[in-house]
Amino acid sequence: MDRRYFLAGLAAATAATQASLPASAQVASSAQAPGFYRFKVGDFTVTTVHDGMVRRANPLDGLVTNQPSSAVQAALEAAVLPLRNLVNPYIVTFVDTGRGIVAFDAGTGGGQMAPGTGLLPQNLAAAGIRPEDVTLVAVSHFHGDHITGLTTAENQPFFPNAEIAVPAAEWAWWSDPSNEARSPQQQRGTFANTARRFAPLRARMRMFDDNAEVAPGIRAIATPGHTPGHTAFHLSSGNQQFFVTADAAGRPELFLRNPGWHSMFDFDGVLAAESRRRLFGRIAAERARMAAYHFTFPGTGFIAAEGDGFRFVPADWSSVVG
C-alpha cells in the first residue's frame, strides 16, 4: 500500500509540477509542491491534504468574542503572527485503515467557497488517492468548509462510493428549519447548505452518537459548542492512538494557548471552551498524536499542557512514511 501511494504520488506530483511550469523555464515557479503529508499510526496510513486557505484581514476585529482587541493583539505578537491578513488553513485528513479509506470531512468543494480554497482535488490526486477509493466520510460538523466538498458544483457526490457518517446531534439541529431563528445569524446559511449537500447522499447516510465506533478502530468523541453536534475522533491501531480534532480549536496560538477564548465561529462559546479543555487535556495527558483542520499545514503534532492552556508541538517532518 505504501509503495502504491508513493509511486502514484510521485508520478502525479511530477506531472503536476511540470505542467505548471512555462516551457521556457523549468526551474523557477511561483507554485508550491503538492500539499499532502503522510505518516503511520500503527497499521493505519494517515494523509493530511491541504485544501487551501483564506486570510482574515483584521483578526483584531471580532475573531475572539470574549476578549478585547488588545488581548488578541498581544497573543498574536507573542506568537509572531501578523496583525493583518491572518491565515486560516484548511486541512482534510484521510486514513487508510487497510479495510478502506476514511475521509474526515470533505473540504471546501473545489473552489466553490472563496478564492484560495478548493485545492483538495488536485492535492488528493498528487497524493495518489482517488475520490472513488474513499469508502467512508466521517463528518465532524456541518460548517460549509467541512461539507461543501461532499458534492461538486453540480451537486453530484465527489466521493461516489463512500458511505457518509454524521453526528446524530448535528443532523438533528441543522436538518430542522425551525432551529434557524435560534442559531447565530452568521451560521444560518448552514441550514440551506446542509439540505443541498446531503440531498444526493441520503441513501448512503448513517447517524452515530457519542462514543460510537464509526468504523473499526475509529470512535466518536462529542465535542459540542463549535456547533451543536461537533465531533472529534479517536483512532487506535496496535499500541498507537491518534486524534482528529476538527474545529475543537482554531489557530492554536490563540485558542489552545487560551482555551477559554470564544471564537466568532463558535455556536456556543462557553460550551466550546469546555469541550476544548476536555479534549486537548486528554490528548496532552495521553501524549498522543493529533491532526487539526485549521492548524498550520500539515496540521499534525502533539499537545503539551502549559500554564492555564496548551501548546501545539508540531511533529517532526520525515521523508519516510513510518
Protein backbone atom coordinates (compact mmCIF):
# COMPACT_ATOMS: atom_id res chain seq x y z
CA MET A 1 0.00 0.00 0.00
CA ASP A 2 2.81 2.44 0.83
CA ARG A 3 4.57 1.60 -2.45
CA ARG A 4 1.38 2.20 -4.40
CA TYR A 5 0.87 5.56 -2.70
CA PHE A 6 4.49 6.53 -3.23
CA LEU A 7 4.61 5.71 -6.93
CA ALA A 8 1.23 7.26 -7.69
CA GLY A 9 2.04 10.35 -5.66
CA LEU A 10 5.46 10.74 -7.24
CA ALA A 11 4.13 10.43 -10.76
CA ALA A 12 1.23 12.80 -10.16
CA ALA A 13 3.38 15.32 -8.32
CA THR A 14 5.98 15.30 -11.07
CA ALA A 15 3.36 15.72 -13.78
CA ALA A 16 1.55 18.49 -11.89
CA THR A 17 4.79 20.32 -11.23
CA GLN A 18 5.95 20.11 -14.86
CA ALA A 19 2.54 21.16 -16.16
CA SER A 20 2.60 24.26 -14.00
CA LEU A 21 5.89 25.48 -15.48
CA PRO A 22 6.23 27.51 -18.66
CA ALA A 23 8.06 25.66 -21.43
CA SER A 24 10.90 28.16 -21.33
CA ALA A 25 11.53 27.91 -17.61
CA GLN A 26 11.60 24.52 -15.90
CA VAL A 27 13.31 25.76 -12.72
CA ALA A 28 11.65 28.93 -11.46
CA SER A 29 7.97 28.77 -10.49
CA SER A 30 5.67 30.52 -8.06
CA ALA A 31 3.73 27.30 -7.40
CA GLN A 32 4.49 25.18 -4.36
CA ALA A 33 4.84 21.41 -4.43
CA PRO A 34 1.58 19.48 -3.93
CA GLY A 35 0.21 19.83 -0.41
CA PHE A 36 -0.03 16.45 1.25
CA TYR A 37 1.85 14.73 4.07
CA ARG A 38 1.79 11.05 5.05
CA PHE A 39 2.68 9.11 8.20
CA LYS A 40 1.76 5.92 10.04
CA VAL A 41 -0.31 5.31 13.15
CA GLY A 42 0.10 1.63 13.93
CA ASP A 43 -1.11 -0.15 10.80
CA PHE A 44 -3.08 2.90 9.63
CA THR A 45 -1.67 5.21 6.97
CA VAL A 46 -2.65 8.84 7.57
CA THR A 47 -2.52 11.51 4.87
CA THR A 48 -3.25 15.16 5.59
CA VAL A 49 -4.22 17.10 2.47
CA HIS A 50 -4.13 20.88 2.06
CA ASP A 51 -7.39 22.35 0.76
CA GLY A 52 -6.19 25.96 0.58
CA MET A 53 -6.63 28.90 2.91
CA VAL A 54 -8.25 32.28 3.42
CA ARG A 55 -6.85 35.36 5.13
CA ARG A 56 -8.71 37.28 7.81
CA ALA A 57 -7.97 40.92 7.01
CA ASN A 58 -8.32 42.13 10.59
CA PRO A 59 -8.16 39.39 13.24
CA LEU A 60 -8.43 42.04 15.96
CA ASP A 61 -11.98 42.82 14.88
CA GLY A 62 -14.32 40.23 16.36
CA LEU A 63 -12.39 36.99 15.83
CA VAL A 64 -12.33 36.47 19.61
CA THR A 65 -15.67 37.48 21.05
CA ASN A 66 -14.96 37.47 24.80
CA GLN A 67 -11.67 39.37 24.82
CA PRO A 68 -10.65 42.95 24.00
CA SER A 69 -8.66 43.52 20.84
CA SER A 70 -5.64 44.40 22.97
CA ALA A 71 -5.51 40.85 24.36
CA VAL A 72 -5.78 39.35 20.89
CA GLN A 73 -3.06 41.67 19.63
CA ALA A 74 -0.78 40.65 22.49
CA ALA A 75 -1.34 36.95 21.71
CA LEU A 76 -0.63 37.45 18.01
CA GLU A 77 2.52 39.44 18.71
CA ALA A 78 3.76 36.85 21.22
CA ALA A 79 3.33 34.16 18.56
CA VAL A 80 4.98 36.35 15.88
CA LEU A 81 1.78 36.30 13.83
CA PRO A 82 0.58 39.20 11.67
CA LEU A 83 -1.99 41.69 12.90
CA ARG A 84 -3.42 41.84 9.39
CA ASN A 85 -4.30 39.05 6.93
CA LEU A 86 -4.04 36.17 9.39
CA VAL A 87 -4.04 32.85 7.51
CA ASN A 88 -6.77 30.31 8.20
CA PRO A 89 -5.71 26.98 6.61
CA TYR A 90 -8.00 24.11 5.59
CA ILE A 91 -6.65 20.56 6.04
CA VAL A 92 -8.58 17.35 5.38
CA THR A 93 -7.33 14.10 6.96
CA PHE A 94 -7.56 10.74 5.18
CA VAL A 95 -6.84 7.40 6.87
CA ASP A 96 -6.25 4.11 5.09
CA THR A 97 -7.19 1.50 7.68
CA GLY A 98 -6.41 -1.48 5.47
CA ARG A 99 -10.15 -2.09 5.13
CA GLY A 100 -10.87 1.15 3.32
CA ILE A 101 -10.01 4.84 3.13
CA VAL A 102 -11.77 7.16 5.57
CA ALA A 103 -12.02 10.91 4.92
CA PHE A 104 -12.59 13.10 7.94
CA ASP A 105 -14.74 15.86 6.42
CA ALA A 106 -14.81 16.81 2.76
CA GLY A 107 -13.27 20.27 2.41
CA THR A 108 -14.44 23.41 0.68
CA GLY A 109 -15.54 21.92 -2.61
CA GLY A 110 -13.06 22.61 -5.37
CA GLY A 111 -13.22 26.40 -5.21
CA GLN A 112 -16.96 26.73 -4.53
CA MET A 113 -16.46 28.85 -1.40
CA ALA A 114 -13.77 31.52 -1.77
CA PRO A 115 -10.59 32.35 -3.67
CA GLY A 116 -7.64 30.47 -2.23
CA THR A 117 -9.71 27.44 -1.25
CA GLY A 118 -10.63 24.28 -3.12
CA LEU A 119 -7.20 22.70 -3.59
CA LEU A 120 -8.31 19.31 -2.28
CA PRO A 121 -8.97 17.61 -5.65
CA GLN A 122 -5.55 18.41 -7.12
CA ASN A 123 -3.65 17.66 -3.91
CA LEU A 124 -5.60 14.45 -3.42
CA ALA A 125 -4.61 13.37 -6.92
CA ALA A 126 -0.98 14.20 -6.16
CA ALA A 127 -1.24 12.04 -3.03
CA GLY A 128 -2.40 9.09 -5.13
CA ILE A 129 -5.86 8.93 -3.53
CA ARG A 130 -8.80 8.71 -5.92
CA PRO A 131 -12.20 10.01 -4.72
CA GLU A 132 -13.78 6.73 -5.83
CA ASP A 133 -11.48 4.80 -3.46
CA VAL A 134 -12.78 6.60 -0.36
CA THR A 135 -15.14 4.22 1.42
CA LEU A 136 -16.33 6.42 4.30
CA VAL A 137 -16.61 10.13 5.02
CA ALA A 138 -16.82 10.76 8.76
CA VAL A 139 -18.21 14.28 9.17
CA SER A 140 -17.23 16.30 12.24
CA HIS A 141 -19.81 19.08 11.79
CA PHE A 142 -21.75 20.90 9.10
CA HIS A 143 -19.95 24.23 8.63
CA GLY A 144 -19.51 24.98 4.94
CA ASP A 145 -15.75 24.49 4.85
CA HIS A 146 -16.28 20.90 6.02
CA ILE A 147 -19.26 19.71 3.96
CA THR A 148 -19.35 21.75 0.75
CA GLY A 149 -16.81 19.34 -0.73
CA LEU A 150 -19.23 16.43 -0.32
CA THR A 151 -20.63 17.40 -3.70
CA THR A 152 -19.45 19.15 -6.84
CA ALA A 153 -20.68 22.49 -8.13
CA GLU A 154 -23.36 20.48 -9.95
CA ASN A 155 -24.25 18.85 -6.60
CA GLN A 156 -23.04 15.41 -7.60
CA PRO A 157 -21.22 13.28 -4.98
CA PHE A 158 -17.48 13.96 -5.01
CA PHE A 159 -16.77 10.65 -3.25
CA PRO A 160 -19.06 8.46 -5.38
CA ASN A 161 -18.64 5.20 -3.45
CA ALA A 162 -18.40 6.49 0.11
CA GLU A 163 -20.80 5.96 2.96
CA ILE A 164 -21.45 9.24 4.82
CA ALA A 165 -21.46 9.09 8.63
CA VAL A 166 -22.69 12.15 10.51
CA PRO A 167 -23.19 13.01 14.20
CA ALA A 168 -26.83 12.46 15.12
CA ALA A 169 -26.90 15.65 17.22
CA GLU A 170 -25.52 17.69 14.32
CA TRP A 171 -28.07 16.32 11.89
CA ALA A 172 -30.91 16.89 14.34
CA TRP A 173 -30.10 20.61 14.57
CA TRP A 174 -29.24 21.60 11.00
CA SER A 175 -31.87 19.45 9.26
CA ASP A 176 -34.69 21.13 11.18
CA PRO A 177 -35.52 24.57 9.70
CA SER A 178 -37.36 25.54 12.88
CA ASN A 179 -33.96 25.88 14.57
CA GLU A 180 -32.83 28.65 12.24
CA ALA A 181 -34.20 31.50 14.33
CA ARG A 182 -32.35 30.10 17.37
CA SER A 183 -28.99 29.96 15.59
CA PRO A 184 -26.35 32.71 15.36
CA GLN A 185 -27.06 34.99 12.42
CA GLN A 186 -23.82 34.21 10.61
CA GLN A 187 -24.44 30.46 10.81
CA ARG A 188 -27.96 30.41 9.40
CA GLY A 189 -26.69 29.68 5.91
CA THR A 190 -25.68 26.26 7.22
CA PHE A 191 -29.31 25.13 7.04
CA ALA A 192 -29.58 25.62 3.28
CA ASN A 193 -26.10 24.20 2.63
CA THR A 194 -26.91 21.14 4.74
CA ALA A 195 -30.06 20.49 2.75
CA ARG A 196 -28.23 20.91 -0.57
CA ARG A 197 -25.12 18.84 0.16
CA PHE A 198 -26.83 15.88 1.79
CA ALA A 199 -29.79 15.66 -0.62
CA PRO A 200 -28.00 13.40 -3.15
CA LEU A 201 -26.37 11.38 -0.36
CA ARG A 202 -29.32 10.39 1.82
CA ALA A 203 -29.35 6.76 0.65
CA ARG A 204 -25.75 6.36 1.85
CA MET A 205 -26.01 8.26 5.14
CA ARG A 206 -25.99 6.94 8.66
CA MET A 207 -26.01 8.65 12.05
CA PHE A 208 -23.75 7.98 15.00
CA ASP A 209 -23.81 9.02 18.66
CA ASP A 210 -21.10 9.95 21.14
CA ASN A 211 -18.57 7.16 21.75
CA ALA A 212 -19.92 5.12 18.84
CA GLU A 213 -17.49 3.07 16.78
CA VAL A 214 -17.76 4.85 13.44
CA ALA A 215 -15.51 2.24 11.81
CA PRO A 216 -13.18 -0.41 13.24
CA GLY A 217 -10.56 1.41 15.29
CA ILE A 218 -12.35 4.79 14.99
CA ARG A 219 -14.56 6.14 17.77
CA ALA A 220 -16.56 9.37 18.02
CA ILE A 221 -15.93 11.94 20.77
CA ALA A 222 -18.71 14.50 21.31
CA THR A 223 -17.17 17.99 21.49
CA PRO A 224 -20.18 20.31 21.22
CA GLY A 225 -20.03 24.09 21.24
CA HIS A 226 -18.40 24.99 17.96
CA THR A 227 -21.66 23.59 16.58
CA PRO A 228 -24.41 21.71 18.44
CA GLY A 229 -23.08 18.31 17.42
CA HIS A 230 -19.40 18.97 16.72
CA THR A 231 -17.45 15.72 16.98
CA ALA A 232 -13.79 14.74 17.20
CA PHE A 233 -12.48 11.24 16.55
CA HIS A 234 -10.17 8.84 18.38
CA LEU A 235 -8.26 6.29 16.28
CA SER A 236 -6.34 3.31 17.58
CA SER A 237 -4.20 0.75 15.80
CA GLY A 238 -1.93 -1.67 17.59
CA ASN A 239 -0.46 0.20 20.55
CA GLN A 240 -0.74 3.63 18.92
CA GLN A 241 -3.52 6.18 19.01
CA PHE A 242 -4.39 9.33 17.12
CA PHE A 243 -6.98 12.10 17.41
CA VAL A 244 -8.70 14.05 14.63
CA THR A 245 -9.80 17.23 16.40
CA ALA A 246 -11.58 19.05 13.54
CA ASP A 247 -12.55 22.56 14.79
CA ALA A 248 -12.32 21.92 18.53
CA ALA A 249 -9.68 24.67 18.36
CA GLY A 250 -8.90 27.21 15.65
CA ARG A 251 -5.44 28.73 15.34
CA PRO A 252 -3.54 27.12 18.25
CA GLU A 253 -1.62 30.32 19.04
CA LEU A 254 -4.95 31.83 20.08
CA PHE A 255 -7.37 29.09 21.06
CA LEU A 256 -5.05 26.47 22.55
CA ARG A 257 -2.87 28.94 24.38
CA ASN A 258 -6.12 30.48 25.66
CA PRO A 259 -8.69 27.67 25.64
CA GLY A 260 -11.30 29.83 27.35
CA TRP A 261 -11.42 32.25 24.43
CA HIS A 262 -14.55 32.15 22.28
CA SER A 263 -14.26 32.19 18.51
CA MET A 264 -16.70 34.15 16.37
CA PHE A 265 -17.32 30.84 14.58
CA ASP A 266 -18.47 29.07 17.76
CA PHE A 267 -22.17 28.36 18.08
CA ASP A 268 -21.89 28.36 21.89
CA GLY A 269 -18.58 29.80 23.10
CA VAL A 270 -18.89 28.60 26.69
CA LEU A 271 -19.65 25.04 25.67
CA ALA A 272 -16.92 25.10 23.00
CA ALA A 273 -14.36 26.15 25.61
CA GLU A 274 -15.43 23.30 27.92
CA SER A 275 -15.10 20.77 25.09
CA ARG A 276 -11.73 22.22 24.08
CA ARG A 277 -10.26 21.88 27.56
CA ARG A 278 -11.56 18.35 27.93
CA LEU A 279 -10.39 17.09 24.53
CA PHE A 280 -6.95 18.68 24.46
CA GLY A 281 -6.39 17.87 28.12
CA ARG A 282 -6.95 14.22 27.25
CA ILE A 283 -4.62 14.38 24.23
CA ALA A 284 -1.90 16.04 26.31
CA ALA A 285 -2.27 13.52 29.14
CA GLU A 286 -2.06 10.57 26.75
CA ARG A 287 0.83 12.11 24.77
CA ALA A 288 -0.98 11.12 21.60
CA ARG A 289 -0.54 12.47 18.10
CA MET A 290 -3.35 14.53 16.60
CA ALA A 291 -4.39 16.40 13.46
CA ALA A 292 -6.48 19.57 13.26
CA TYR A 293 -8.36 21.26 10.46
CA HIS A 294 -7.09 24.82 10.89
CA PHE A 295 -3.54 24.43 12.20
CA THR A 296 -0.52 25.29 10.06
CA PHE A 297 -0.08 22.62 7.38
CA PRO A 298 0.49 19.68 7.66
CA GLY A 299 -1.51 20.19 10.84
CA THR A 300 -0.25 17.25 12.87
CA GLY A 301 1.67 17.02 16.10
CA PHE A 302 1.29 16.79 19.86
CA ILE A 303 -0.26 18.83 22.67
CA ALA A 304 1.56 19.98 25.81
CA ALA A 305 -0.22 21.40 28.83
CA GLU A 306 1.28 24.80 29.62
CA GLY A 307 0.04 27.10 32.36
CA ASP A 308 -3.71 27.58 32.02
CA GLY A 309 -3.69 26.40 28.42
CA PHE A 310 -1.93 24.24 25.90
CA ARG A 311 0.88 24.41 23.37
CA PHE A 312 0.89 22.73 19.98
CA VAL A 313 4.13 20.86 19.25
CA PRO A 314 4.45 20.07 15.52
CA ALA A 315 5.53 16.52 14.73
CA ASP A 316 8.96 16.17 13.17
CA TRP A 317 8.81 16.11 9.38
CA SER A 318 10.03 12.82 7.95
CA SER A 319 10.96 11.84 4.40
CA VAL A 320 9.97 8.25 5.23
CA VAL A 321 6.39 7.15 5.82
CA GLY A 322 6.60 5.34 9.11
